[in-house]
């Protein structure tokens, strides 16, 4: 098995004329490298009708509905995170319940609020009660503010994870650029944070540092947008890890944090 814990698909309301082609190409590429399951999110309308990282409730629903439609078309290949905007607490909680009841298996938080903000606590309580992980968008060491988002880094995610020790958190795209070593140091002793290996970065020493800091038991394989670099990391890991440990990264760790029965075996 090979589970991509950080996938994205597009939808018609997102403004890309090639949205269907891009979705199909992701599935084709997944077939080529034998991805068993794409665990995906759709970020509202990708900024077309409301800001990407501050989506309106209407756009949140539009993105989640589009993903539910893809899951219905490919139930054996696609699973989903309910993407929510925690600035609308009541709506976010209702949307999590709606999406999980419809078969989604996790919660996605982008950059709508800092990871250590108390507004995220109700979201985490809902994730705990439903037994699902939270994938959180992270900048690898935020050095200044960025427009259009409340970007979080690993130190802030660690504060949230310590407040909610029963919730598995996924630190997004360690290979997404920035100071990944800063991130690894920040989460070293926070056992309920798992590192997803996605992102286009394939820096020398990054995978070795991940293994040295959190071990194979807290690594999750994923691609984000660029499947080619996810594949490259997987090939490299096969030279670093034992058979047992590569199986952990490929799928066993994912199965341990998502609800039982999320993936066929």
C-alpha atoms as a PDB file:
ATOM      1  CA  UNK A   1       0.000   0.000   0.000  1.00  0.00           C
ATOM      2  CA  UNK A   2       0.986   3.609  -0.590  1.00  0.00           C
ATOM      3  CA  UNK A   3      -1.103   6.381   0.975  1.00  0.00           C
ATOM      4  CA  UNK A   4      -0.654  10.010  -0.070  1.00  0.00           C
ATOM      5  CA  UNK A   5      -1.732  11.902   3.047  1.00  0.00           C
ATOM      6  CA  UNK A   6      -1.512  15.348   1.402  1.00  0.00           C
ATOM      7  CA  UNK A   7      -3.231  15.559  -1.965  1.00  0.00           C
ATOM      8  CA  UNK A   8      -5.152  18.315  -3.740  1.00  0.00           C
ATOM      9  CA  UNK A   9      -7.793  18.318  -6.436  1.00  0.00           C
ATOM     10  CA  UNK A  10      -9.468  21.168  -8.303  1.00  0.00           C
ATOM     11  CA  UNK A  11     -13.078  22.046  -9.037  1.00  0.00           C
ATOM     12  CA  UNK A  12     -15.015  24.027 -11.680  1.00  0.00           C
ATOM     13  CA  UNK A  13     -15.640  27.043  -9.415  1.00  0.00           C
ATOM     14  CA  UNK A  14     -11.908  27.466  -8.800  1.00  0.00           C
ATOM     15  CA  UNK A  15     -11.300  29.339 -12.026  1.00  0.00           C
ATOM     16  CA  UNK A  16      -8.930  26.909 -13.755  1.00  0.00           C
ATOM     17  CA  UNK A  17     -10.119  25.943 -17.207  1.00  0.00           C
ATOM     18  CA  UNK A  18      -8.053  22.750 -16.995  1.00  0.00           C
ATOM     19  CA  UNK A  19      -9.391  21.614 -13.628  1.00  0.00           C
ATOM     20  CA  UNK A  20     -10.727  18.282 -14.915  1.00  0.00           C
ATOM     21  CA  UNK A  21      -7.521  17.585 -16.834  1.00  0.00           C
ATOM     22  CA  UNK A  22      -5.405  18.262 -13.750  1.00  0.00           C
ATOM     23  CA  UNK A  23      -7.549  15.979 -11.601  1.00  0.00           C
ATOM     24  CA  UNK A  24      -7.306  13.223 -14.183  1.00  0.00           C
ATOM     25  CA  UNK A  25      -3.536  13.658 -14.526  1.00  0.00           C
ATOM     26  CA  UNK A  26      -3.093  13.298 -10.776  1.00  0.00           C
ATOM     27  CA  UNK A  27      -4.963  10.017 -10.812  1.00  0.00           C
ATOM     28  CA  UNK A  28      -2.944   8.800 -13.801  1.00  0.00           C
ATOM     29  CA  UNK A  29       0.337   9.699 -12.120  1.00  0.00           C
ATOM     30  CA  UNK A  30      -0.878   7.973  -8.981  1.00  0.00           C
ATOM     31  CA  UNK A  31      -1.507   4.819 -10.967  1.00  0.00           C
ATOM     32  CA  UNK A  32       2.016   4.931 -12.367  1.00  0.00           C
ATOM     33  CA  UNK A  33       3.645   4.977  -8.937  1.00  0.00           C
ATOM     34  CA  UNK A  34       0.940   2.780  -7.394  1.00  0.00           C
ATOM     35  CA  UNK A  35      -0.655   5.222  -4.955  1.00  0.00           C
ATOM     36  CA  UNK A  36      -3.372   3.290  -3.163  1.00  0.00           C
ATOM     37  CA  UNK A  37      -5.240   6.302  -1.797  1.00  0.00           C
ATOM     38  CA  UNK A  38      -5.106  10.085  -2.276  1.00  0.00           C
ATOM     39  CA  UNK A  39      -6.251  11.762   0.965  1.00  0.00           C
ATOM     40  CA  UNK A  40      -7.197  15.160  -0.406  1.00  0.00           C
ATOM     41  CA  UNK A  41      -8.662  18.578   0.255  1.00  0.00           C
ATOM     42  CA  UNK A  42     -10.078  21.336  -1.939  1.00  0.00           C
ATOM     43  CA  UNK A  43      -9.496  24.853  -0.630  1.00  0.00           C
ATOM     44  CA  UNK A  44     -12.865  26.442  -1.355  1.00  0.00           C
ATOM     45  CA  UNK A  45     -12.806  28.120  -4.770  1.00  0.00           C
ATOM     46  CA  UNK A  46      -9.009  28.615  -4.625  1.00  0.00           C
ATOM     47  CA  UNK A  47      -9.442  32.357  -4.113  1.00  0.00           C
ATOM     48  CA  UNK A  48     -11.836  33.074  -6.945  1.00  0.00           C
ATOM     49  CA  UNK A  49     -14.823  34.226  -4.873  1.00  0.00           C
ATOM     50  CA  UNK A  50     -13.211  34.753  -1.455  1.00  0.00           C
ATOM     51  CA  UNK A  51      -9.580  34.711  -0.282  1.00  0.00           C
ATOM     52  CA  UNK A  52      -7.958  31.285  -0.507  1.00  0.00           C
ATOM     53  CA  UNK A  53      -6.949  31.264   3.153  1.00  0.00           C
ATOM     54  CA  UNK A  54     -10.016  33.127   4.424  1.00  0.00           C
ATOM     55  CA  UNK A  55     -12.776  31.358   2.483  1.00  0.00           C
ATOM     56  CA  UNK A  56     -16.378  32.340   3.036  1.00  0.00           C
ATOM     57  CA  UNK A  57     -18.722  29.682   4.438  1.00  0.00           C
ATOM     58  CA  UNK A  58     -20.263  29.379   0.971  1.00  0.00           C
ATOM     59  CA  UNK A  59     -16.881  28.707  -0.609  1.00  0.00           C
ATOM     60  CA  UNK A  60     -15.913  26.251   2.135  1.00  0.00           C
ATOM     61  CA  UNK A  61     -19.027  24.231   1.321  1.00  0.00           C
ATOM     62  CA  UNK A  62     -18.369  24.480  -2.418  1.00  0.00           C
ATOM     63  CA  UNK A  63     -14.894  23.017  -2.031  1.00  0.00           C
ATOM     64  CA  UNK A  64     -15.991  20.232   0.278  1.00  0.00           C
ATOM     65  CA  UNK A  65     -18.951  19.385  -1.946  1.00  0.00           C
ATOM     66  CA  UNK A  66     -16.657  19.148  -4.965  1.00  0.00           C
ATOM     67  CA  UNK A  67     -14.401  16.771  -3.066  1.00  0.00           C
ATOM     68  CA  UNK A  68     -17.325  14.653  -1.925  1.00  0.00           C
ATOM     69  CA  UNK A  69     -18.307  14.381  -5.585  1.00  0.00           C
ATOM     70  CA  UNK A  70     -14.828  13.130  -6.508  1.00  0.00           C
ATOM     71  CA  UNK A  71     -14.899  10.647  -3.645  1.00  0.00           C
ATOM     72  CA  UNK A  72     -18.231   9.332  -4.933  1.00  0.00           C
ATOM     73  CA  UNK A  73     -16.687   8.897  -8.403  1.00  0.00           C
ATOM     74  CA  UNK A  74     -13.526   7.197  -7.083  1.00  0.00           C
ATOM     75  CA  UNK A  75     -14.415   5.678  -3.696  1.00  0.00           C
ATOM     76  CA  UNK A  76     -11.493   3.242  -3.738  1.00  0.00           C
ATOM     77  CA  UNK A  77      -8.901   5.865  -4.672  1.00  0.00           C
ATOM     78  CA  UNK A  78      -9.822   9.198  -3.046  1.00  0.00           C
ATOM     79  CA  UNK A  79     -10.530  10.068   0.585  1.00  0.00           C
ATOM     80  CA  UNK A  80     -11.042  13.527   2.018  1.00  0.00           C
ATOM     81  CA  UNK A  81     -10.304  16.122   4.651  1.00  0.00           C
ATOM     82  CA  UNK A  82     -13.072  18.536   5.610  1.00  0.00           C
ATOM     83  CA  UNK A  83     -11.473  21.926   4.963  1.00  0.00           C
ATOM     84  CA  UNK A  84     -12.862  24.601   7.292  1.00  0.00           C
ATOM     85  CA  UNK A  85     -12.306  28.236   8.251  1.00  0.00           C
ATOM     86  CA  UNK A  86     -12.090  28.422  12.067  1.00  0.00           C
ATOM     87  CA  UNK A  87     -13.000  32.121  12.059  1.00  0.00           C
ATOM     88  CA  UNK A  88     -16.608  30.907  11.604  1.00  0.00           C
ATOM     89  CA  UNK A  89     -16.733  28.548  14.570  1.00  0.00           C
ATOM     90  CA  UNK A  90     -20.332  27.399  14.325  1.00  0.00           C
ATOM     91  CA  UNK A  91     -20.141  26.861  10.587  1.00  0.00           C
ATOM     92  CA  UNK A  92     -16.807  25.042  10.861  1.00  0.00           C
ATOM     93  CA  UNK A  93     -18.130  22.602  13.443  1.00  0.00           C
ATOM     94  CA  UNK A  94     -21.283  21.946  11.426  1.00  0.00           C
ATOM     95  CA  UNK A  95     -19.202  21.417   8.275  1.00  0.00           C
ATOM     96  CA  UNK A  96     -16.880  18.973  10.014  1.00  0.00           C
ATOM     97  CA  UNK A  97     -19.881  16.955  11.194  1.00  0.00           C
ATOM     98  CA  UNK A  98     -21.498  17.065   7.744  1.00  0.00           C
ATOM     99  CA  UNK A  99     -18.373  15.998   5.882  1.00  0.00           C
ATOM    100  CA  UNK A 100     -17.345  13.272   8.309  1.00  0.00           C
ATOM    101  CA  UNK A 101     -20.879  11.896   8.277  1.00  0.00           C
ATOM    102  CA  UNK A 102     -20.598  11.797   4.475  1.00  0.00           C
ATOM    103  CA  UNK A 103     -17.399   9.741   4.663  1.00  0.00           C
ATOM    104  CA  UNK A 104     -14.469  12.127   4.985  1.00  0.00           C
ATOM    105  CA  UNK A 105     -11.730  11.011   7.348  1.00  0.00           C
ATOM    106  CA  UNK A 106      -9.907  14.121   8.602  1.00  0.00           C
ATOM    107  CA  UNK A 107      -9.890  17.896   9.072  1.00  0.00           C
ATOM    108  CA  UNK A 108      -7.798  20.365   7.061  1.00  0.00           C
ATOM    109  CA  UNK A 109      -6.753  23.745   8.453  1.00  0.00           C
ATOM    110  CA  UNK A 110      -4.938  26.088   6.114  1.00  0.00           C
ATOM    111  CA  UNK A 111      -3.799  29.599   7.079  1.00  0.00           C
ATOM    112  CA  UNK A 112      -7.033  31.136   8.324  1.00  0.00           C
ATOM    113  CA  UNK A 113      -5.835  31.506  11.910  1.00  0.00           C
ATOM    114  CA  UNK A 114      -2.586  30.934  13.785  1.00  0.00           C
ATOM    115  CA  UNK A 115      -2.188  27.331  14.905  1.00  0.00           C
ATOM    116  CA  UNK A 116      -1.915  28.352  18.554  1.00  0.00           C
ATOM    117  CA  UNK A 117      -5.046  30.552  18.506  1.00  0.00           C
ATOM    118  CA  UNK A 118      -7.811  29.500  20.946  1.00  0.00           C
ATOM    119  CA  UNK A 119     -10.291  29.619  18.046  1.00  0.00           C
ATOM    120  CA  UNK A 120      -8.818  26.301  16.924  1.00  0.00           C
ATOM    121  CA  UNK A 121      -9.677  24.557  20.186  1.00  0.00           C
ATOM    122  CA  UNK A 122     -13.314  23.762  19.259  1.00  0.00           C
ATOM    123  CA  UNK A 123     -12.095  22.303  15.957  1.00  0.00           C
ATOM    124  CA  UNK A 124      -9.663  20.084  17.818  1.00  0.00           C
ATOM    125  CA  UNK A 125     -12.324  18.977  20.294  1.00  0.00           C
ATOM    126  CA  UNK A 126     -14.464  17.903  17.329  1.00  0.00           C
ATOM    127  CA  UNK A 127     -11.532  16.013  15.782  1.00  0.00           C
ATOM    128  CA  UNK A 128     -10.857  14.264  19.097  1.00  0.00           C
ATOM    129  CA  UNK A 129     -14.505  13.289  19.525  1.00  0.00           C
ATOM    130  CA  UNK A 130     -14.681  11.884  15.989  1.00  0.00           C
ATOM    131  CA  UNK A 131     -11.274  10.208  16.129  1.00  0.00           C
ATOM    132  CA  UNK A 132      -9.780  11.960  13.095  1.00  0.00           C
ATOM    133  CA  UNK A 133      -6.459  13.735  12.483  1.00  0.00           C
ATOM    134  CA  UNK A 134      -5.940  17.426  11.721  1.00  0.00           C
ATOM    135  CA  UNK A 135      -3.682  18.352   8.810  1.00  0.00           C
ATOM    136  CA  UNK A 136      -2.357  21.866   9.393  1.00  0.00           C
ATOM    137  CA  UNK A 137      -0.727  24.067   6.744  1.00  0.00           C
ATOM    138  CA  UNK A 138       2.683  25.159   8.070  1.00  0.00           C
ATOM    139  CA  UNK A 139       5.410  27.528   6.970  1.00  0.00           C
ATOM    140  CA  UNK A 140       8.782  26.043   7.817  1.00  0.00           C
ATOM    141  CA  UNK A 141       9.853  28.886  10.146  1.00  0.00           C
ATOM    142  CA  UNK A 142       7.803  32.003   9.499  1.00  0.00           C
ATOM    143  CA  UNK A 143      10.163  34.974   9.649  1.00  0.00           C
ATOM    144  CA  UNK A 144       7.655  37.730   8.842  1.00  0.00           C
ATOM    145  CA  UNK A 145       3.999  38.287   8.052  1.00  0.00           C
ATOM    146  CA  UNK A 146       2.556  37.376   4.671  1.00  0.00           C
ATOM    147  CA  UNK A 147      -0.417  39.088   3.095  1.00  0.00           C
ATOM    148  CA  UNK A 148      -3.711  37.262   2.743  1.00  0.00           C
ATOM    149  CA  UNK A 149      -3.045  34.649   5.388  1.00  0.00           C
ATOM    150  CA  UNK A 150      -2.276  33.948   9.021  1.00  0.00           C
ATOM    151  CA  UNK A 151       0.621  31.609   8.396  1.00  0.00           C
ATOM    152  CA  UNK A 152       1.693  29.293  11.204  1.00  0.00           C
ATOM    153  CA  UNK A 153       4.982  27.586  11.857  1.00  0.00           C
ATOM    154  CA  UNK A 154       5.873  24.417  13.714  1.00  0.00           C
ATOM    155  CA  UNK A 155       6.415  26.100  17.072  1.00  0.00           C
ATOM    156  CA  UNK A 156       2.808  27.320  17.040  1.00  0.00           C
ATOM    157  CA  UNK A 157       1.504  23.942  15.916  1.00  0.00           C
ATOM    158  CA  UNK A 158       3.403  22.373  18.811  1.00  0.00           C
ATOM    159  CA  UNK A 159       1.551  24.631  21.246  1.00  0.00           C
ATOM    160  CA  UNK A 160      -1.781  23.482  19.808  1.00  0.00           C
ATOM    161  CA  UNK A 161      -0.768  19.825  19.866  1.00  0.00           C
ATOM    162  CA  UNK A 162       0.278  20.045  23.512  1.00  0.00           C
ATOM    163  CA  UNK A 163      -3.153  21.445  24.373  1.00  0.00           C
ATOM    164  CA  UNK A 164      -4.805  18.528  22.546  1.00  0.00           C
ATOM    165  CA  UNK A 165      -2.679  15.427  23.175  1.00  0.00           C
ATOM    166  CA  UNK A 166      -5.440  13.036  22.065  1.00  0.00           C
ATOM    167  CA  UNK A 167      -5.540  14.497  18.535  1.00  0.00           C
ATOM    168  CA  UNK A 168      -3.043  13.403  15.841  1.00  0.00           C
ATOM    169  CA  UNK A 169      -1.724  16.458  13.981  1.00  0.00           C
ATOM    170  CA  UNK A 170      -0.042  16.386  10.591  1.00  0.00           C
ATOM    171  CA  UNK A 171       2.567  19.066   9.993  1.00  0.00           C
ATOM    172  CA  UNK A 172       2.138  19.879   6.326  1.00  0.00           C
ATOM    173  CA  UNK A 173       4.814  19.714   3.625  1.00  0.00           C
ATOM    174  CA  UNK A 174       8.150  19.606   5.427  1.00  0.00           C
ATOM    175  CA  UNK A 175       9.540  19.907   1.890  1.00  0.00           C
ATOM    176  CA  UNK A 176       7.469  22.968   1.073  1.00  0.00           C
ATOM    177  CA  UNK A 177      10.365  25.374   1.407  1.00  0.00           C
ATOM    178  CA  UNK A 178      11.850  27.249   4.337  1.00  0.00           C
ATOM    179  CA  UNK A 179      13.787  26.180   7.400  1.00  0.00           C
ATOM    180  CA  UNK A 180      12.667  22.592   7.868  1.00  0.00           C
ATOM    181  CA  UNK A 181      15.328  22.049  10.530  1.00  0.00           C
ATOM    182  CA  UNK A 182      13.652  24.747  12.649  1.00  0.00           C
ATOM    183  CA  UNK A 183      10.373  22.842  12.310  1.00  0.00           C
ATOM    184  CA  UNK A 184      11.907  19.526  13.282  1.00  0.00           C
ATOM    185  CA  UNK A 185      13.498  20.992  16.395  1.00  0.00           C
ATOM    186  CA  UNK A 186      10.177  22.583  17.398  1.00  0.00           C
ATOM    187  CA  UNK A 187       8.250  19.299  17.323  1.00  0.00           C
ATOM    188  CA  UNK A 188      10.925  16.858  18.475  1.00  0.00           C
ATOM    189  CA  UNK A 189       9.220  15.971  21.763  1.00  0.00           C
ATOM    190  CA  UNK A 190       5.591  16.422  20.667  1.00  0.00           C
ATOM    191  CA  UNK A 191       4.608  12.851  19.941  1.00  0.00           C
ATOM    192  CA  UNK A 192       1.158  13.580  18.485  1.00  0.00           C
ATOM    193  CA  UNK A 193       2.621  15.612  15.602  1.00  0.00           C
ATOM    194  CA  UNK A 194       3.412  13.616  12.469  1.00  0.00           C
ATOM    195  CA  UNK A 195       5.526  15.048   9.649  1.00  0.00           C
ATOM    196  CA  UNK A 196       4.238  14.808   6.101  1.00  0.00           C
ATOM    197  CA  UNK A 197       7.054  14.597   3.576  1.00  0.00           C
ATOM    198  CA  UNK A 198       5.242  16.443   0.811  1.00  0.00           C
ATOM    199  CA  UNK A 199       6.322  19.588  -0.975  1.00  0.00           C
ATOM    200  CA  UNK A 200       8.591  20.188  -3.934  1.00  0.00           C
ATOM    201  CA  UNK A 201      11.742  20.567  -1.815  1.00  0.00           C
ATOM    202  CA  UNK A 202      14.216  17.687  -1.935  1.00  0.00           C
ATOM    203  CA  UNK A 203      17.033  19.339   0.010  1.00  0.00           C
ATOM    204  CA  UNK A 204      20.177  17.383   0.807  1.00  0.00           C
ATOM    205  CA  UNK A 205      19.957  15.961   4.325  1.00  0.00           C
ATOM    206  CA  UNK A 206      16.265  16.731   4.851  1.00  0.00           C
ATOM    207  CA  UNK A 207      15.068  13.138   4.976  1.00  0.00           C
ATOM    208  CA  UNK A 208      17.989  12.082   7.163  1.00  0.00           C
ATOM    209  CA  UNK A 209      17.160  14.938   9.560  1.00  0.00           C
ATOM    210  CA  UNK A 210      13.505  13.876   9.702  1.00  0.00           C
ATOM    211  CA  UNK A 211      14.527  10.352  10.622  1.00  0.00           C
ATOM    212  CA  UNK A 212      17.030  11.519  13.204  1.00  0.00           C
ATOM    213  CA  UNK A 213      14.537  13.876  14.844  1.00  0.00           C
ATOM    214  CA  UNK A 214      11.168  12.113  14.841  1.00  0.00           C
ATOM    215  CA  UNK A 215      11.976   8.634  13.525  1.00  0.00           C
ATOM    216  CA  UNK A 216      10.179   6.552  10.937  1.00  0.00           C
ATOM    217  CA  UNK A 217       7.210   6.118  13.302  1.00  0.00           C
ATOM    218  CA  UNK A 218       6.190   9.785  12.879  1.00  0.00           C
ATOM    219  CA  UNK A 219       6.716  10.217   9.132  1.00  0.00           C
ATOM    220  CA  UNK A 220       3.880  10.182   6.602  1.00  0.00           C
ATOM    221  CA  UNK A 221       4.376   9.996   2.854  1.00  0.00           C
ATOM    222  CA  UNK A 222       2.649  12.626   0.749  1.00  0.00           C
ATOM    223  CA  UNK A 223       3.012  14.716  -2.385  1.00  0.00           C
ATOM    224  CA  UNK A 224       0.993  17.961  -2.102  1.00  0.00           C
ATOM    225  CA  UNK A 225       0.961  19.366  -5.655  1.00  0.00           C
ATOM    226  CA  UNK A 226       4.107  17.758  -7.071  1.00  0.00           C
ATOM    227  CA  UNK A 227       3.852  13.990  -7.303  1.00  0.00           C
ATOM    228  CA  UNK A 228       7.263  13.761  -8.989  1.00  0.00           C
ATOM    229  CA  UNK A 229       9.118  14.958  -5.894  1.00  0.00           C
ATOM    230  CA  UNK A 230       7.029  12.724  -3.650  1.00  0.00           C
ATOM    231  CA  UNK A 231       8.096   9.797  -5.807  1.00  0.00           C
ATOM    232  CA  UNK A 232      11.748  10.880  -5.614  1.00  0.00           C
ATOM    233  CA  UNK A 233      11.633  10.989  -1.815  1.00  0.00           C
ATOM    234  CA  UNK A 234      10.054   7.559  -1.702  1.00  0.00           C
ATOM    235  CA  UNK A 235      12.820   6.084  -3.860  1.00  0.00           C
ATOM    236  CA  UNK A 236      15.448   7.708  -1.638  1.00  0.00           C
ATOM    237  CA  UNK A 237      13.809   6.447   1.545  1.00  0.00           C
ATOM    238  CA  UNK A 238      13.896   2.921   0.193  1.00  0.00           C
ATOM    239  CA  UNK A 239      17.697   3.163   0.331  1.00  0.00           C
ATOM    240  CA  UNK A 240      17.692   4.526   3.890  1.00  0.00           C
ATOM    241  CA  UNK A 241      15.104   2.422   5.682  1.00  0.00           C
ATOM    242  CA  UNK A 242      14.487  -1.183   6.592  1.00  0.00           C
ATOM    243  CA  UNK A 243      11.528  -2.939   5.000  1.00  0.00           C
ATOM    244  CA  UNK A 244       9.512  -2.514   8.201  1.00  0.00           C
ATOM    245  CA  UNK A 245      10.245   1.199   8.410  1.00  0.00           C
ATOM    246  CA  UNK A 246       9.497   1.923   4.760  1.00  0.00           C
ATOM    247  CA  UNK A 247       6.137   0.219   5.218  1.00  0.00           C
ATOM    248  CA  UNK A 248       5.465   2.519   8.176  1.00  0.00           C
ATOM    249  CA  UNK A 249       6.109   5.593   6.065  1.00  0.00           C
ATOM    250  CA  UNK A 250       4.226   4.266   3.029  1.00  0.00           C
ATOM    251  CA  UNK A 251       1.008   3.389   4.853  1.00  0.00           C
ATOM    252  CA  UNK A 252       1.149   1.954   8.354  1.00  0.00           C
ATOM    253  CA  UNK A 253       1.569   5.299  10.121  1.00  0.00           C
ATOM    254  CA  UNK A 254      -1.329   6.733   8.141  1.00  0.00           C
ATOM    255  CA  UNK A 255      -3.542   3.828   9.093  1.00  0.00           C
ATOM    256  CA  UNK A 256      -2.696   4.436  12.742  1.00  0.00           C
ATOM    257  CA  UNK A 257      -4.032   8.026  12.780  1.00  0.00           C
ATOM    258  CA  UNK A 258      -7.065   7.803  10.497  1.00  0.00           C
ATOM    259  CA  UNK A 259     -10.299   6.119  11.638  1.00  0.00           C
ATOM    260  CA  UNK A 260     -10.394   2.317  11.489  1.00  0.00           C
ATOM    261  CA  UNK A 261     -11.594   1.080   8.110  1.00  0.00           C
ATOM    262  CA  UNK A 262     -10.519   4.210   6.225  1.00  0.00           C
ATOM    263  CA  UNK A 263      -8.402   2.198   3.802  1.00  0.00           C
ATOM    264  CA  UNK A 264      -8.839  -1.221   2.255  1.00  0.00           C
ATOM    265  CA  UNK A 265      -6.070  -3.692   3.070  1.00  0.00           C
END
